[in-house]
Amino acid sequence: MIDERRIKKKVNEIMRKFEYKLLTINVNHLKKEKFQIELDEKFQKWGNEGWELIKMESITSGGMFFHGATTESFFAVFKREKL
């Protein structure tokens, strides 16, 4: 007879688990050289810690269907496997 609890436990042990980090970056900050340097250092540090940038999208306002829209910020998603 198959022990479902034992199988579920094994599957959970095998399945990889992840954690996520979310970051919103205002466009005005990107215009500042000091901020760009700090952001680069932060991204390098996170990369060394196993974080991977998996998605980055612009957040816009105004306009219709991006016609005349203005980018206000960027939304970034990082992921790494839980240890």
C-alpha atoms as a PDB file:
ATOM      1  CA  MET A   1       0.000   0.000   0.000  1.00  0.00           C
ATOM      2  CA  ILE A   2       1.234   3.507  -0.876  1.00  0.00           C
ATOM      3  CA  ASP A   3       1.843   5.841   2.058  1.00  0.00           C
ATOM      4  CA  GLU A   4       0.712   9.239   0.698  1.00  0.00           C
ATOM      5  CA  ARG A   5       2.137  11.173   3.640  1.00  0.00           C
ATOM      6  CA  ARG A   6       5.559   9.687   3.016  1.00  0.00           C
ATOM      7  CA  ILE A   7       5.372  10.537  -0.690  1.00  0.00           C
ATOM      8  CA  LYS A   8       4.286  14.138   0.037  1.00  0.00           C
ATOM      9  CA  LYS A   9       7.141  14.505   2.506  1.00  0.00           C
ATOM     10  CA  LYS A  10       9.647  13.264  -0.106  1.00  0.00           C
ATOM     11  CA  VAL A  11       8.222  15.596  -2.773  1.00  0.00           C
ATOM     12  CA  ASN A  12       8.536  18.569  -0.399  1.00  0.00           C
ATOM     13  CA  GLU A  13      12.154  17.633   0.299  1.00  0.00           C
ATOM     14  CA  ILE A  14      12.908  17.471  -3.438  1.00  0.00           C
ATOM     15  CA  MET A  15      11.023  20.617  -4.522  1.00  0.00           C
ATOM     16  CA  ARG A  16      13.170  23.714  -4.682  1.00  0.00           C
ATOM     17  CA  LYS A  17      11.956  26.675  -2.652  1.00  0.00           C
ATOM     18  CA  PHE A  18      12.627  30.316  -3.465  1.00  0.00           C
ATOM     19  CA  GLU A  19      12.532  33.684  -1.777  1.00  0.00           C
ATOM     20  CA  TYR A  20      11.913  36.985  -3.524  1.00  0.00           C
ATOM     21  CA  LYS A  21      13.038  40.590  -3.178  1.00  0.00           C
ATOM     22  CA  LEU A  22      11.030  43.461  -4.702  1.00  0.00           C
ATOM     23  CA  LEU A  23      12.454  46.883  -5.505  1.00  0.00           C
ATOM     24  CA  THR A  24      10.897  50.053  -6.921  1.00  0.00           C
ATOM     25  CA  ILE A  25      13.324  52.562  -8.408  1.00  0.00           C
ATOM     26  CA  ASN A  26      12.199  56.125  -9.079  1.00  0.00           C
ATOM     27  CA  VAL A  27      13.393  57.491 -12.441  1.00  0.00           C
ATOM     28  CA  ASN A  28      14.526  60.752 -10.820  1.00  0.00           C
ATOM     29  CA  HIS A  29      17.000  58.811  -8.680  1.00  0.00           C
ATOM     30  CA  LEU A  30      18.513  57.196 -11.776  1.00  0.00           C
ATOM     31  CA  LYS A  31      19.583  60.631 -12.987  1.00  0.00           C
ATOM     32  CA  LYS A  32      21.905  61.000  -9.984  1.00  0.00           C
ATOM     33  CA  GLU A  33      25.374  59.516 -10.498  1.00  0.00           C
ATOM     34  CA  LYS A  34      25.818  58.720  -6.790  1.00  0.00           C
ATOM     35  CA  PHE A  35      22.559  56.736  -6.783  1.00  0.00           C
ATOM     36  CA  GLN A  36      23.618  54.809  -9.899  1.00  0.00           C
ATOM     37  CA  ILE A  37      26.906  53.858  -8.227  1.00  0.00           C
ATOM     38  CA  GLU A  38      25.113  52.780  -5.034  1.00  0.00           C
ATOM     39  CA  LEU A  39      22.560  50.788  -7.044  1.00  0.00           C
ATOM     40  CA  ASP A  40      25.318  49.049  -8.992  1.00  0.00           C
ATOM     41  CA  GLU A  41      27.087  48.142  -5.741  1.00  0.00           C
ATOM     42  CA  LYS A  42      23.821  46.844  -4.272  1.00  0.00           C
ATOM     43  CA  PHE A  43      23.075  44.734  -7.371  1.00  0.00           C
ATOM     44  CA  GLN A  44      26.621  43.307  -7.285  1.00  0.00           C
ATOM     45  CA  LYS A  45      26.243  42.453  -3.580  1.00  0.00           C
ATOM     46  CA  TRP A  46      22.881  40.789  -4.152  1.00  0.00           C
ATOM     47  CA  GLY A  47      24.291  38.838  -7.107  1.00  0.00           C
ATOM     48  CA  ASN A  48      27.118  37.561  -4.905  1.00  0.00           C
ATOM     49  CA  GLU A  49      24.493  36.510  -2.346  1.00  0.00           C
ATOM     50  CA  GLY A  50      22.704  34.421  -4.989  1.00  0.00           C
ATOM     51  CA  TRP A  51      19.958  36.888  -5.976  1.00  0.00           C
ATOM     52  CA  GLU A  52      19.010  36.888  -9.657  1.00  0.00           C
ATOM     53  CA  LEU A  53      17.137  39.726 -11.377  1.00  0.00           C
ATOM     54  CA  ILE A  54      14.243  37.901 -13.037  1.00  0.00           C
ATOM     55  CA  LYS A  55      11.970  40.764 -14.074  1.00  0.00           C
ATOM     56  CA  MET A  56      12.135  44.516 -14.524  1.00  0.00           C
ATOM     57  CA  GLU A  57       9.251  46.620 -15.797  1.00  0.00           C
ATOM     58  CA  SER A  58       8.596  50.297 -16.170  1.00  0.00           C
ATOM     59  CA  ILE A  59       5.721  51.917 -14.294  1.00  0.00           C
ATOM     60  CA  THR A  60       4.143  54.629 -16.396  1.00  0.00           C
ATOM     61  CA  SER A  61       1.495  57.299 -15.974  1.00  0.00           C
ATOM     62  CA  GLY A  62      -0.584  59.344 -18.344  1.00  0.00           C
ATOM     63  CA  GLY A  63      -1.293  58.560 -21.953  1.00  0.00           C
ATOM     64  CA  MET A  64      -3.376  55.760 -23.341  1.00  0.00           C
ATOM     65  CA  PHE A  65      -1.868  52.418 -24.280  1.00  0.00           C
ATOM     66  CA  PHE A  66       1.601  53.913 -23.738  1.00  0.00           C
ATOM     67  CA  HIS A  67       0.958  56.738 -26.243  1.00  0.00           C
ATOM     68  CA  GLY A  68       2.101  59.855 -24.413  1.00  0.00           C
ATOM     69  CA  ALA A  69       2.863  57.881 -21.250  1.00  0.00           C
ATOM     70  CA  THR A  70       5.691  58.910 -18.946  1.00  0.00           C
ATOM     71  CA  THR A  71       7.904  56.416 -17.120  1.00  0.00           C
ATOM     72  CA  GLU A  72       7.944  57.289 -13.422  1.00  0.00           C
ATOM     73  CA  SER A  73       9.743  54.303 -11.965  1.00  0.00           C
ATOM     74  CA  PHE A  74      10.900  50.751 -12.502  1.00  0.00           C
ATOM     75  CA  PHE A  75       9.785  47.663 -10.627  1.00  0.00           C
ATOM     76  CA  ALA A  76      12.409  44.920 -10.202  1.00  0.00           C
ATOM     77  CA  VAL A  77      11.967  41.360  -8.933  1.00  0.00           C
ATOM     78  CA  PHE A  78      14.878  39.303  -7.644  1.00  0.00           C
ATOM     79  CA  LYS A  79      14.807  35.615  -6.735  1.00  0.00           C
ATOM     80  CA  ARG A  80      17.130  33.135  -5.083  1.00  0.00           C
ATOM     81  CA  GLU A  81      16.830  29.580  -3.926  1.00  0.00           C
ATOM     82  CA  LYS A  82      16.236  29.128  -0.203  1.00  0.00           C
ATOM     83  CA  LEU A  83      19.048  27.319   1.499  1.00  0.00           C
END
